[in-house]
Amino acid sequence: MSIVETPVDPSDDVGPPSPLRRVVAFITSQQVILLVVLVAVMFFFDFHNSRFFTTPEFSNLIVDFCEAVLIAVAETYVIISGGIDLSVGSTIAISGVAGAYVIQNLENHHFGELGSLIIGALACAGVGAIVGIINAILITKARLVPFVATLVTLSAGEGLALVFSKGAQVGYDPSASVWSATGFWIFTWLSVMVLVITAILGVVLHVSRYGRYNFAIGSNPFAARAAGINVNRHVASVYILSGMLAGLTGMLYYFRTGGGAPTSGVGLELEAIAAVVIGGASLFGGVGRFTGTLLGVAILTVVNDGLTFINVAVTWNEVVVAAFIALAAVLQSISSGSRKQL
């Protein structure tokens, strides 16, 4: 009995990538390109105003970065899971107003500054969690698509913030603003706390089982359910987490302004989504990187602050943000195309 050997096609033998392929893949990766863009943007603004690299300006950049990063992280979790949360901006407003009322009442009863601020922060997170629960119910029980469900809470949140505050800032706490500006070098203590929370959320997303479930559900919810993952429960937890982070961002605005304003955070959901998209996440779910989101937030923060720093009208900010979104989409296409050709 003869044995017929099938010739082996050399092209079928896929070995380890060559050093050249590794270098090309690294250079064309989304993270490296975004880092280069960030450095280029910073030097551009420094070229137009040499005071851009000064310590006070960097401190302002970090504060603005921290005000945007929590809701961007929230959107990262939601978008990777295959959804979207349009309500984070209005959640900032309504939670900030609610937290301001709580702090104001506690201080009027001589509860103490520190205790009032801590309970106020918990109140902001609690209001955000309530919004997240409503979103979760509309999505998992009422079967509304995330866009429609969060659009409902977006409109309701904006309206309730105006109703409860009567269209004006609630409370005036200059001591909170003073405390929020204290710290060391270019970091305030508030910024340090936000950065620590952000780092923990990044580790959870990429290392923990919870994070793996998030990617699995965003990639294929049917396969995830077949694998034994409770999809509805996980999706609900993601929207609750998103609401809580938006609520804490409302507390950050309280510290920054010394009160709760009904317009705080309104419209920031678009910038948060833009940062996530610029960072390389797919709006179809299942794809995204935490570092990409951080770089996206950093780029938008530098652009927004830099345009103001060189006396460009703030009305141009949205145009520039739109341009960066388009650029990010092109970079994703080029990067994926380069990997296919290698």
C-alpha atoms as a PDB file:
ATOM      1  CA  MET A   1       0.000   0.000   0.000  1.00  0.00           C
ATOM      2  CA  SER A   2       1.562   3.227  -1.146  1.00  0.00           C
ATOM      3  CA  ILE A   3       1.393   6.425   0.808  1.00  0.00           C
ATOM      4  CA  VAL A   4       0.639   9.545  -1.167  1.00  0.00           C
ATOM      5  CA  GLU A   5       2.242  12.616   0.316  1.00  0.00           C
ATOM      6  CA  THR A   6       0.523  15.937  -0.193  1.00  0.00           C
ATOM      7  CA  PRO A   7       2.961  18.671  -1.153  1.00  0.00           C
ATOM      8  CA  VAL A   8       3.190  21.445   1.378  1.00  0.00           C
ATOM      9  CA  ASP A   9       2.685  24.978   0.169  1.00  0.00           C
ATOM     10  CA  PRO A  10       5.422  27.157   1.687  1.00  0.00           C
ATOM     11  CA  SER A  11       2.932  30.000   1.965  1.00  0.00           C
ATOM     12  CA  ASP A  12       0.881  27.890   4.399  1.00  0.00           C
ATOM     13  CA  ASP A  13       3.756  27.697   6.854  1.00  0.00           C
ATOM     14  CA  VAL A  14       3.069  30.686   9.058  1.00  0.00           C
ATOM     15  CA  GLY A  15       6.025  31.264  11.340  1.00  0.00           C
ATOM     16  CA  PRO A  16       6.706  33.971  13.850  1.00  0.00           C
ATOM     17  CA  PRO A  17       6.530  37.511  12.468  1.00  0.00           C
ATOM     18  CA  SER A  18       9.765  38.936  11.206  1.00  0.00           C
ATOM     19  CA  PRO A  19      11.437  41.858  13.019  1.00  0.00           C
ATOM     20  CA  LEU A  20      10.432  44.155  10.154  1.00  0.00           C
ATOM     21  CA  ARG A  21       6.783  43.161  10.478  1.00  0.00           C
ATOM     22  CA  ARG A  22       6.902  43.774  14.201  1.00  0.00           C
ATOM     23  CA  VAL A  23       8.393  47.241  13.704  1.00  0.00           C
ATOM     24  CA  VAL A  24       5.833  48.168  11.038  1.00  0.00           C
ATOM     25  CA  ALA A  25       2.956  46.866  13.172  1.00  0.00           C
ATOM     26  CA  PHE A  26       4.239  48.842  16.153  1.00  0.00           C
ATOM     27  CA  ILE A  27       4.682  52.079  14.191  1.00  0.00           C
ATOM     28  CA  THR A  28       1.240  51.825  12.588  1.00  0.00           C
ATOM     29  CA  SER A  29      -0.526  50.905  15.825  1.00  0.00           C
ATOM     30  CA  GLN A  30      -3.255  53.250  16.991  1.00  0.00           C
ATOM     31  CA  GLN A  31      -1.537  53.956  20.307  1.00  0.00           C
ATOM     32  CA  VAL A  32       1.762  55.074  18.787  1.00  0.00           C
ATOM     33  CA  ILE A  33       0.057  57.265  16.205  1.00  0.00           C
ATOM     34  CA  LEU A  34      -2.066  58.919  18.898  1.00  0.00           C
ATOM     35  CA  LEU A  35       0.999  59.517  21.062  1.00  0.00           C
ATOM     36  CA  VAL A  36       2.777  61.175  18.134  1.00  0.00           C
ATOM     37  CA  VAL A  37      -0.307  63.318  17.461  1.00  0.00           C
ATOM     38  CA  LEU A  38      -0.472  64.340  21.131  1.00  0.00           C
ATOM     39  CA  VAL A  39       3.185  65.396  21.197  1.00  0.00           C
ATOM     40  CA  ALA A  40       2.820  67.246  17.893  1.00  0.00           C
ATOM     41  CA  VAL A  41      -0.245  69.143  19.125  1.00  0.00           C
ATOM     42  CA  MET A  42       1.528  70.149  22.333  1.00  0.00           C
ATOM     43  CA  PHE A  43       4.551  71.470  20.465  1.00  0.00           C
ATOM     44  CA  PHE A  44       2.255  73.293  18.050  1.00  0.00           C
ATOM     45  CA  PHE A  45       0.664  75.260  20.875  1.00  0.00           C
ATOM     46  CA  ASP A  46       4.013  75.834  22.529  1.00  0.00           C
ATOM     47  CA  PHE A  47       5.338  77.227  19.251  1.00  0.00           C
ATOM     48  CA  HIS A  48       2.495  79.773  19.200  1.00  0.00           C
ATOM     49  CA  ASN A  49       2.804  80.576  22.901  1.00  0.00           C
ATOM     50  CA  SER A  50       5.964  79.646  24.802  1.00  0.00           C
ATOM     51  CA  ARG A  51       4.088  79.732  28.129  1.00  0.00           C
ATOM     52  CA  PHE A  52       2.177  76.573  27.189  1.00  0.00           C
ATOM     53  CA  PHE A  53       4.771  74.334  28.871  1.00  0.00           C
ATOM     54  CA  THR A  54       4.724  76.284  32.130  1.00  0.00           C
ATOM     55  CA  THR A  55       3.736  74.590  35.390  1.00  0.00           C
ATOM     56  CA  PRO A  56       0.431  76.497  35.898  1.00  0.00           C
ATOM     57  CA  GLU A  57      -0.798  75.626  32.422  1.00  0.00           C
ATOM     58  CA  PHE A  58       0.104  71.951  32.863  1.00  0.00           C
ATOM     59  CA  SER A  59      -1.735  71.944  36.176  1.00  0.00           C
ATOM     60  CA  ASN A  60      -4.830  73.324  34.433  1.00  0.00           C
ATOM     61  CA  LEU A  61      -4.493  70.682  31.723  1.00  0.00           C
ATOM     62  CA  ILE A  62      -4.449  67.896  34.307  1.00  0.00           C
ATOM     63  CA  VAL A  63      -7.512  69.321  36.081  1.00  0.00           C
ATOM     64  CA  ASP A  64      -9.421  69.556  32.793  1.00  0.00           C
ATOM     65  CA  PHE A  65      -8.225  66.061  31.853  1.00  0.00           C
ATOM     66  CA  CYS A  66      -9.563  64.656  35.135  1.00  0.00           C
ATOM     67  CA  GLU A  67     -12.947  66.316  34.603  1.00  0.00           C
ATOM     68  CA  ALA A  68     -13.292  64.537  31.260  1.00  0.00           C
ATOM     69  CA  VAL A  69     -11.577  61.207  31.877  1.00  0.00           C
ATOM     70  CA  LEU A  70     -14.162  59.583  34.174  1.00  0.00           C
ATOM     71  CA  ILE A  71     -17.036  59.925  31.706  1.00  0.00           C
ATOM     72  CA  ALA A  72     -14.717  58.845  28.882  1.00  0.00           C
ATOM     73  CA  VAL A  73     -13.865  55.723  30.879  1.00  0.00           C
ATOM     74  CA  ALA A  74     -17.584  55.197  31.448  1.00  0.00           C
ATOM     75  CA  GLU A  75     -18.205  55.409  27.699  1.00  0.00           C
ATOM     76  CA  THR A  76     -15.296  53.012  27.095  1.00  0.00           C
ATOM     77  CA  TYR A  77     -16.945  50.315  29.183  1.00  0.00           C
ATOM     78  CA  VAL A  78     -20.328  50.932  27.579  1.00  0.00           C
ATOM     79  CA  ILE A  79     -19.091  51.095  23.976  1.00  0.00           C
ATOM     80  CA  ILE A  80     -16.909  47.987  24.306  1.00  0.00           C
ATOM     81  CA  SER A  81     -19.969  46.139  25.649  1.00  0.00           C
ATOM     82  CA  GLY A  82     -21.805  47.058  22.440  1.00  0.00           C
ATOM     83  CA  GLY A  83     -23.884  49.973  23.719  1.00  0.00           C
ATOM     84  CA  ILE A  84     -23.720  53.729  24.054  1.00  0.00           C
ATOM     85  CA  ASP A  85     -24.608  56.151  26.848  1.00  0.00           C
ATOM     86  CA  LEU A  86     -25.852  59.573  25.774  1.00  0.00           C
ATOM     87  CA  SER A  87     -27.028  60.460  29.282  1.00  0.00           C
ATOM     88  CA  VAL A  88     -23.662  61.009  30.997  1.00  0.00           C
ATOM     89  CA  GLY A  89     -23.691  64.767  30.359  1.00  0.00           C
ATOM     90  CA  SER A  90     -27.109  65.363  31.883  1.00  0.00           C
ATOM     91  CA  THR A  91     -26.248  62.947  34.700  1.00  0.00           C
ATOM     92  CA  ILE A  92     -23.342  65.229  35.605  1.00  0.00           C
ATOM     93  CA  ALA A  93     -25.777  68.143  35.817  1.00  0.00           C
ATOM     94  CA  ILE A  94     -28.528  66.477  37.855  1.00  0.00           C
ATOM     95  CA  SER A  95     -26.095  64.757  40.234  1.00  0.00           C
ATOM     96  CA  GLY A  96     -24.164  67.985  40.760  1.00  0.00           C
ATOM     97  CA  VAL A  97     -27.359  69.838  41.639  1.00  0.00           C
ATOM     98  CA  ALA A  98     -28.491  67.051  43.988  1.00  0.00           C
ATOM     99  CA  GLY A  99     -25.082  66.876  45.656  1.00  0.00           C
ATOM    100  CA  ALA A 100     -25.044  70.653  46.115  1.00  0.00           C
ATOM    101  CA  TYR A 101     -28.417  70.543  47.885  1.00  0.00           C
ATOM    102  CA  VAL A 102     -27.175  67.776  50.186  1.00  0.00           C
ATOM    103  CA  ILE A 103     -23.965  69.638  51.043  1.00  0.00           C
ATOM    104  CA  GLN A 104     -25.822  72.912  51.558  1.00  0.00           C
ATOM    105  CA  ASN A 105     -28.316  71.323  53.969  1.00  0.00           C
ATOM    106  CA  LEU A 106     -25.615  69.512  55.919  1.00  0.00           C
ATOM    107  CA  GLU A 107     -23.517  72.637  56.303  1.00  0.00           C
ATOM    108  CA  ASN A 108     -26.559  74.633  57.395  1.00  0.00           C
ATOM    109  CA  HIS A 109     -26.962  72.096  60.212  1.00  0.00           C
ATOM    110  CA  HIS A 110     -23.266  72.490  61.127  1.00  0.00           C
ATOM    111  CA  PHE A 111     -22.339  68.964  60.027  1.00  0.00           C
ATOM    112  CA  GLY A 112     -18.790  69.981  59.117  1.00  0.00           C
ATOM    113  CA  GLU A 113     -17.060  70.757  55.826  1.00  0.00           C
ATOM    114  CA  LEU A 114     -15.239  67.457  55.261  1.00  0.00           C
ATOM    115  CA  GLY A 115     -18.159  65.242  56.254  1.00  0.00           C
ATOM    116  CA  SER A 116     -20.542  67.278  54.108  1.00  0.00           C
ATOM    117  CA  LEU A 117     -18.302  66.943  51.064  1.00  0.00           C
ATOM    118  CA  ILE A 118     -17.908  63.184  51.516  1.00  0.00           C
ATOM    119  CA  ILE A 119     -21.656  62.636  51.872  1.00  0.00           C
ATOM    120  CA  GLY A 120     -22.228  65.002  48.939  1.00  0.00           C
ATOM    121  CA  ALA A 121     -19.891  62.907  46.789  1.00  0.00           C
ATOM    122  CA  LEU A 122     -21.777  59.755  47.800  1.00  0.00           C
ATOM    123  CA  ALA A 123     -25.053  61.499  46.934  1.00  0.00           C
ATOM    124  CA  CYS A 124     -23.712  62.410  43.483  1.00  0.00           C
ATOM    125  CA  ALA A 125     -22.624  58.808  42.876  1.00  0.00           C
ATOM    126  CA  GLY A 126     -25.999  57.593  44.128  1.00  0.00           C
ATOM    127  CA  VAL A 127     -27.969  59.838  41.789  1.00  0.00           C
ATOM    128  CA  GLY A 128     -25.747  58.680  38.932  1.00  0.00           C
ATOM    129  CA  ALA A 129     -26.383  55.061  39.888  1.00  0.00           C
ATOM    130  CA  ILE A 130     -30.152  55.699  39.806  1.00  0.00           C
ATOM    131  CA  VAL A 131     -29.840  57.065  36.266  1.00  0.00           C
ATOM    132  CA  GLY A 132     -27.786  53.993  35.359  1.00  0.00           C
ATOM    133  CA  ILE A 133     -30.450  51.697  36.816  1.00  0.00           C
ATOM    134  CA  ILE A 134     -33.128  53.449  34.751  1.00  0.00           C
ATOM    135  CA  ASN A 135     -30.997  53.019  31.626  1.00  0.00           C
ATOM    136  CA  ALA A 136     -30.432  49.352  32.485  1.00  0.00           C
ATOM    137  CA  ILE A 137     -34.163  48.712  32.943  1.00  0.00           C
ATOM    138  CA  LEU A 138     -35.038  50.430  29.669  1.00  0.00           C
ATOM    139  CA  ILE A 139     -32.398  48.406  27.804  1.00  0.00           C
ATOM    140  CA  THR A 140     -32.641  44.956  29.421  1.00  0.00           C
ATOM    141  CA  LYS A 141     -36.326  44.867  30.385  1.00  0.00           C
ATOM    142  CA  ALA A 142     -38.123  47.274  28.038  1.00  0.00           C
ATOM    143  CA  ARG A 143     -35.817  46.148  25.194  1.00  0.00           C
ATOM    144  CA  LEU A 144     -35.076  49.648  23.974  1.00  0.00           C
ATOM    145  CA  VAL A 145     -31.898  50.084  21.992  1.00  0.00           C
ATOM    146  CA  PRO A 146     -29.225  51.885  24.041  1.00  0.00           C
ATOM    147  CA  PHE A 147     -29.322  54.969  21.812  1.00  0.00           C
ATOM    148  CA  VAL A 148     -33.037  55.525  22.431  1.00  0.00           C
ATOM    149  CA  ALA A 149     -32.962  54.554  26.113  1.00  0.00           C
ATOM    150  CA  THR A 150     -30.122  56.896  27.014  1.00  0.00           C
ATOM    151  CA  LEU A 151     -31.569  59.642  24.825  1.00  0.00           C
ATOM    152  CA  VAL A 152     -34.668  59.479  27.055  1.00  0.00           C
ATOM    153  CA  THR A 153     -32.640  59.854  30.247  1.00  0.00           C
ATOM    154  CA  LEU A 154     -30.517  62.554  28.593  1.00  0.00           C
ATOM    155  CA  SER A 155     -33.589  64.725  27.989  1.00  0.00           C
ATOM    156  CA  ALA A 156     -35.127  63.907  31.370  1.00  0.00           C
ATOM    157  CA  GLY A 157     -31.886  64.655  33.217  1.00  0.00           C
ATOM    158  CA  GLU A 158     -31.439  68.029  31.558  1.00  0.00           C
ATOM    159  CA  GLY A 159     -35.030  68.986  32.348  1.00  0.00           C
ATOM    160  CA  LEU A 160     -34.917  67.823  35.972  1.00  0.00           C
ATOM    161  CA  ALA A 161     -31.637  69.649  36.584  1.00  0.00           C
ATOM    162  CA  LEU A 162     -33.255  72.891  35.421  1.00  0.00           C
ATOM    163  CA  VAL A 163     -36.428  72.250  37.423  1.00  0.00           C
ATOM    164  CA  PHE A 164     -34.702  71.412  40.702  1.00  0.00           C
ATOM    165  CA  SER A 165     -32.185  74.247  40.441  1.00  0.00           C
ATOM    166  CA  LYS A 166     -34.686  76.746  38.992  1.00  0.00           C
ATOM    167  CA  GLY A 167     -32.122  77.500  36.315  1.00  0.00           C
ATOM    168  CA  ALA A 168     -29.485  78.858  38.704  1.00  0.00           C
ATOM    169  CA  GLN A 169     -26.433  77.512  40.489  1.00  0.00           C
ATOM    170  CA  VAL A 170     -27.224  75.746  43.751  1.00  0.00           C
ATOM    171  CA  GLY A 171     -25.056  76.720  46.701  1.00  0.00           C
ATOM    172  CA  TYR A 172     -21.840  78.644  46.905  1.00  0.00           C
ATOM    173  CA  ASP A 173     -18.939  76.928  48.632  1.00  0.00           C
ATOM    174  CA  PRO A 174     -15.672  78.802  48.006  1.00  0.00           C
ATOM    175  CA  SER A 175     -13.836  76.625  50.527  1.00  0.00           C
ATOM    176  CA  ALA A 176     -14.443  73.591  48.280  1.00  0.00           C
ATOM    177  CA  SER A 177     -12.873  75.441  45.347  1.00  0.00           C
ATOM    178  CA  VAL A 178      -9.896  76.412  47.491  1.00  0.00           C
ATOM    179  CA  TRP A 179      -9.392  72.837  48.704  1.00  0.00           C
ATOM    180  CA  SER A 180      -9.665  71.425  45.188  1.00  0.00           C
ATOM    181  CA  ALA A 181      -6.760  73.660  44.112  1.00  0.00           C
ATOM    182  CA  THR A 182      -4.378  72.337  46.804  1.00  0.00           C
ATOM    183  CA  GLY A 183      -1.873  69.604  46.095  1.00  0.00           C
ATOM    184  CA  PHE A 184       1.744  69.174  45.094  1.00  0.00           C
ATOM    185  CA  TRP A 185       3.727  70.163  42.000  1.00  0.00           C
ATOM    186  CA  ILE A 186       1.315  70.039  39.024  1.00  0.00           C
ATOM    187  CA  PHE A 187      -1.177  67.695  40.712  1.00  0.00           C
ATOM    188  CA  THR A 188      -4.071  68.616  42.967  1.00  0.00           C
ATOM    189  CA  TRP A 189      -5.235  66.090  45.560  1.00  0.00           C
ATOM    190  CA  LEU A 190      -8.514  65.807  43.692  1.00  0.00           C
ATOM    191  CA  SER A 191      -6.664  64.992  40.468  1.00  0.00           C
ATOM    192  CA  VAL A 192      -4.633  62.328  42.245  1.00  0.00           C
ATOM    193  CA  MET A 193      -7.818  60.624  43.483  1.00  0.00           C
ATOM    194  CA  VAL A 194      -9.342  60.713  40.003  1.00  0.00           C
ATOM    195  CA  LEU A 195      -6.186  59.279  38.430  1.00  0.00           C
ATOM    196  CA  VAL A 196      -6.108  56.455  40.990  1.00  0.00           C
ATOM    197  CA  ILE A 197      -9.755  55.571  40.257  1.00  0.00           C
ATOM    198  CA  THR A 198      -8.990  55.711  36.526  1.00  0.00           C
ATOM    199  CA  ALA A 199      -5.997  53.378  36.874  1.00  0.00           C
ATOM    200  CA  ILE A 200      -8.067  50.852  38.839  1.00  0.00           C
ATOM    201  CA  LEU A 201     -10.781  50.881  36.176  1.00  0.00           C
ATOM    202  CA  GLY A 202      -8.144  50.332  33.495  1.00  0.00           C
ATOM    203  CA  VAL A 203      -6.791  47.258  35.291  1.00  0.00           C
ATOM    204  CA  VAL A 204     -10.313  45.895  35.767  1.00  0.00           C
ATOM    205  CA  LEU A 205     -11.097  46.321  32.058  1.00  0.00           C
ATOM    206  CA  HIS A 206      -8.027  44.506  30.730  1.00  0.00           C
ATOM    207  CA  VAL A 207      -7.108  42.045  33.497  1.00  0.00           C
ATOM    208  CA  SER A 208     -10.234  40.938  35.371  1.00  0.00           C
ATOM    209  CA  ARG A 209     -12.930  38.468  34.372  1.00  0.00           C
ATOM    210  CA  TYR A 210     -15.413  41.332  34.402  1.00  0.00           C
ATOM    211  CA  GLY A 211     -13.409  43.044  31.677  1.00  0.00           C
ATOM    212  CA  ARG A 212     -13.187  39.861  29.619  1.00  0.00           C
ATOM    213  CA  TYR A 213     -16.954  39.458  29.861  1.00  0.00           C
ATOM    214  CA  ASN A 214     -17.321  43.041  28.651  1.00  0.00           C
ATOM    215  CA  PHE A 215     -15.288  42.375  25.509  1.00  0.00           C
ATOM    216  CA  ALA A 216     -17.045  39.045  24.923  1.00  0.00           C
ATOM    217  CA  ILE A 217     -20.528  40.571  25.142  1.00  0.00           C
ATOM    218  CA  GLY A 218     -19.554  43.426  22.827  1.00  0.00           C
ATOM    219  CA  SER A 219     -18.069  41.019  20.273  1.00  0.00           C
ATOM    220  CA  ASN A 220     -20.955  38.551  20.220  1.00  0.00           C
ATOM    221  CA  PRO A 221     -23.695  38.687  22.878  1.00  0.00           C
ATOM    222  CA  PHE A 222     -25.272  35.451  21.618  1.00  0.00           C
ATOM    223  CA  ALA A 223     -22.016  33.511  21.966  1.00  0.00           C
ATOM    224  CA  ALA A 224     -21.419  35.130  25.358  1.00  0.00           C
ATOM    225  CA  ARG A 225     -24.859  34.009  26.537  1.00  0.00           C
ATOM    226  CA  ALA A 226     -24.204  30.500  25.217  1.00  0.00           C
ATOM    227  CA  ALA A 227     -20.940  30.479  27.172  1.00  0.00           C
ATOM    228  CA  GLY A 228     -22.875  31.005  30.400  1.00  0.00           C
ATOM    229  CA  ILE A 229     -22.451  34.767  30.836  1.00  0.00           C
ATOM    230  CA  ASN A 230     -25.469  36.553  32.271  1.00  0.00           C
ATOM    231  CA  VAL A 231     -25.558  39.208  29.554  1.00  0.00           C
ATOM    232  CA  ASN A 232     -28.428  41.275  30.925  1.00  0.00           C
ATOM    233  CA  ARG A 233     -26.926  41.466  34.392  1.00  0.00           C
ATOM    234  CA  HIS A 234     -23.540  42.469  33.039  1.00  0.00           C
ATOM    235  CA  VAL A 235     -25.003  45.106  30.712  1.00  0.00           C
ATOM    236  CA  ALA A 236     -27.014  46.500  33.620  1.00  0.00           C
ATOM    237  CA  SER A 237     -23.859  46.735  35.756  1.00  0.00           C
ATOM    238  CA  VAL A 238     -22.027  48.576  32.983  1.00  0.00           C
ATOM    239  CA  TYR A 239     -24.706  51.262  32.736  1.00  0.00           C
ATOM    240  CA  ILE A 240     -24.851  51.600  36.523  1.00  0.00           C
ATOM    241  CA  LEU A 241     -21.057  52.020  36.563  1.00  0.00           C
ATOM    242  CA  SER A 242     -21.362  54.630  33.821  1.00  0.00           C
ATOM    243  CA  GLY A 243     -23.960  56.540  35.827  1.00  0.00           C
ATOM    244  CA  MET A 244     -21.862  56.447  38.994  1.00  0.00           C
ATOM    245  CA  LEU A 245     -18.785  57.773  37.185  1.00  0.00           C
ATOM    246  CA  ALA A 246     -20.876  60.561  35.660  1.00  0.00           C
ATOM    247  CA  GLY A 247     -22.220  61.345  39.130  1.00  0.00           C
ATOM    248  CA  LEU A 248     -18.696  61.597  40.543  1.00  0.00           C
ATOM    249  CA  THR A 249     -17.830  63.903  37.659  1.00  0.00           C
ATOM    250  CA  GLY A 250     -20.717  66.099  38.798  1.00  0.00           C
ATOM    251  CA  MET A 251     -18.978  66.331  42.170  1.00  0.00           C
ATOM    252  CA  LEU A 252     -15.773  67.396  40.411  1.00  0.00           C
ATOM    253  CA  TYR A 253     -17.675  70.260  38.820  1.00  0.00           C
ATOM    254  CA  TYR A 254     -18.986  71.188  42.266  1.00  0.00           C
ATOM    255  CA  PHE A 255     -15.423  71.475  43.520  1.00  0.00           C
ATOM    256  CA  ARG A 256     -14.380  73.475  40.474  1.00  0.00           C
ATOM    257  CA  THR A 257     -17.216  76.009  40.636  1.00  0.00           C
ATOM    258  CA  GLY A 258     -18.178  75.867  44.307  1.00  0.00           C
ATOM    259  CA  GLY A 259     -21.749  74.847  43.529  1.00  0.00           C
ATOM    260  CA  GLY A 260     -24.043  72.688  41.418  1.00  0.00           C
ATOM    261  CA  ALA A 261     -25.043  74.215  38.074  1.00  0.00           C
ATOM    262  CA  PRO A 262     -27.815  72.748  35.859  1.00  0.00           C
ATOM    263  CA  THR A 263     -25.645  73.255  32.782  1.00  0.00           C
ATOM    264  CA  SER A 264     -22.537  71.488  34.117  1.00  0.00           C
ATOM    265  CA  GLY A 265     -21.533  68.636  31.850  1.00  0.00           C
ATOM    266  CA  VAL A 266     -24.356  69.138  29.356  1.00  0.00           C
ATOM    267  CA  GLY A 267     -23.015  68.205  25.921  1.00  0.00           C
ATOM    268  CA  LEU A 268     -19.891  66.490  27.257  1.00  0.00           C
ATOM    269  CA  GLU A 269     -21.241  63.080  26.257  1.00  0.00           C
ATOM    270  CA  LEU A 270     -20.239  63.860  22.667  1.00  0.00           C
ATOM    271  CA  GLU A 271     -16.680  64.708  23.684  1.00  0.00           C
ATOM    272  CA  ALA A 272     -16.496  61.537  25.768  1.00  0.00           C
ATOM    273  CA  ILE A 273     -17.669  59.414  22.841  1.00  0.00           C
ATOM    274  CA  ALA A 274     -15.242  61.258  20.573  1.00  0.00           C
ATOM    275  CA  ALA A 275     -12.338  60.484  22.929  1.00  0.00           C
ATOM    276  CA  VAL A 276     -13.249  56.793  22.934  1.00  0.00           C
ATOM    277  CA  VAL A 277     -13.536  56.678  19.144  1.00  0.00           C
ATOM    278  CA  ILE A 278     -10.271  58.579  18.706  1.00  0.00           C
ATOM    279  CA  GLY A 279      -8.709  56.050  21.080  1.00  0.00           C
ATOM    280  CA  GLY A 280      -9.518  53.231  18.661  1.00  0.00           C
ATOM    281  CA  ALA A 281     -12.729  51.736  20.074  1.00  0.00           C
ATOM    282  CA  SER A 282     -15.329  50.391  17.672  1.00  0.00           C
ATOM    283  CA  LEU A 283     -18.888  51.676  17.983  1.00  0.00           C
ATOM    284  CA  PHE A 284     -19.996  48.151  17.071  1.00  0.00           C
ATOM    285  CA  GLY A 285     -18.536  46.860  20.341  1.00  0.00           C
ATOM    286  CA  GLY A 286     -15.901  44.333  21.341  1.00  0.00           C
ATOM    287  CA  VAL A 287     -12.895  46.490  20.409  1.00  0.00           C
ATOM    288  CA  GLY A 288     -11.146  49.150  22.436  1.00  0.00           C
ATOM    289  CA  ARG A 289      -8.175  49.927  24.619  1.00  0.00           C
ATOM    290  CA  PHE A 290      -8.030  51.849  27.858  1.00  0.00           C
ATOM    291  CA  THR A 291      -4.767  53.560  26.914  1.00  0.00           C
ATOM    292  CA  GLY A 292      -6.356  54.674  23.664  1.00  0.00           C
ATOM    293  CA  THR A 293      -9.162  56.374  25.583  1.00  0.00           C
ATOM    294  CA  LEU A 294      -6.650  58.141  27.827  1.00  0.00           C
ATOM    295  CA  LEU A 295      -4.743  59.402  24.797  1.00  0.00           C
ATOM    296  CA  GLY A 296      -8.009  60.496  23.164  1.00  0.00           C
ATOM    297  CA  VAL A 297      -8.994  62.478  26.260  1.00  0.00           C
ATOM    298  CA  ALA A 298      -5.500  63.969  26.471  1.00  0.00           C
ATOM    299  CA  ILE A 299      -5.583  65.092  22.829  1.00  0.00           C
ATOM    300  CA  LEU A 300      -9.001  66.711  23.152  1.00  0.00           C
ATOM    301  CA  THR A 301      -8.024  68.384  26.435  1.00  0.00           C
ATOM    302  CA  VAL A 302      -4.841  69.822  24.952  1.00  0.00           C
ATOM    303  CA  VAL A 303      -6.703  70.995  21.837  1.00  0.00           C
ATOM    304  CA  ASN A 304      -9.545  72.641  23.788  1.00  0.00           C
ATOM    305  CA  ASP A 305      -7.213  74.344  26.258  1.00  0.00           C
ATOM    306  CA  GLY A 306      -4.609  75.150  23.628  1.00  0.00           C
ATOM    307  CA  LEU A 307      -7.048  76.929  21.328  1.00  0.00           C
ATOM    308  CA  THR A 308      -8.149  79.102  24.230  1.00  0.00           C
ATOM    309  CA  PHE A 309      -4.515  79.648  25.211  1.00  0.00           C
ATOM    310  CA  ILE A 310      -3.636  81.055  21.785  1.00  0.00           C
ATOM    311  CA  ASN A 311      -6.823  83.178  21.700  1.00  0.00           C
ATOM    312  CA  VAL A 312      -8.808  81.175  19.186  1.00  0.00           C
ATOM    313  CA  ALA A 313     -12.592  81.463  19.601  1.00  0.00           C
ATOM    314  CA  VAL A 314     -14.069  78.529  21.535  1.00  0.00           C
ATOM    315  CA  THR A 315     -16.654  78.131  18.788  1.00  0.00           C
ATOM    316  CA  TRP A 316     -13.912  76.411  16.764  1.00  0.00           C
ATOM    317  CA  ASN A 317     -13.506  73.639  19.349  1.00  0.00           C
ATOM    318  CA  GLU A 318     -16.326  71.478  18.014  1.00  0.00           C
ATOM    319  CA  VAL A 319     -14.978  71.814  14.478  1.00  0.00           C
ATOM    320  CA  VAL A 320     -11.535  70.651  15.610  1.00  0.00           C
ATOM    321  CA  VAL A 321     -13.047  67.760  17.580  1.00  0.00           C
ATOM    322  CA  ALA A 322     -14.951  66.658  14.464  1.00  0.00           C
ATOM    323  CA  ALA A 323     -11.722  66.797  12.475  1.00  0.00           C
ATOM    324  CA  PHE A 324      -9.977  64.582  15.031  1.00  0.00           C
ATOM    325  CA  ILE A 325     -12.818  62.048  14.879  1.00  0.00           C
ATOM    326  CA  ALA A 326     -12.461  61.908  11.092  1.00  0.00           C
ATOM    327  CA  LEU A 327      -8.692  61.577  11.451  1.00  0.00           C
ATOM    328  CA  ALA A 328      -9.129  58.729  13.942  1.00  0.00           C
ATOM    329  CA  ALA A 329     -11.417  56.870  11.525  1.00  0.00           C
ATOM    330  CA  VAL A 330      -8.859  57.255   8.741  1.00  0.00           C
ATOM    331  CA  LEU A 331      -6.039  56.055  11.003  1.00  0.00           C
ATOM    332  CA  GLN A 332      -8.048  53.001  11.992  1.00  0.00           C
ATOM    333  CA  SER A 333      -8.618  52.197   8.318  1.00  0.00           C
ATOM    334  CA  ILE A 334      -4.933  52.640   7.460  1.00  0.00           C
ATOM    335  CA  SER A 335      -3.827  50.600  10.462  1.00  0.00           C
ATOM    336  CA  SER A 336      -6.166  47.699   9.706  1.00  0.00           C
ATOM    337  CA  GLY A 337      -5.194  47.841   6.041  1.00  0.00           C
ATOM    338  CA  SER A 338      -1.488  47.698   6.902  1.00  0.00           C
ATOM    339  CA  ARG A 339      -1.974  44.663   9.119  1.00  0.00           C
ATOM    340  CA  LYS A 340      -3.868  42.845   6.361  1.00  0.00           C
ATOM    341  CA  GLN A 341      -1.029  43.442   3.886  1.00  0.00           C
ATOM    342  CA  LEU A 342       1.679  42.134   6.237  1.00  0.00           C
END
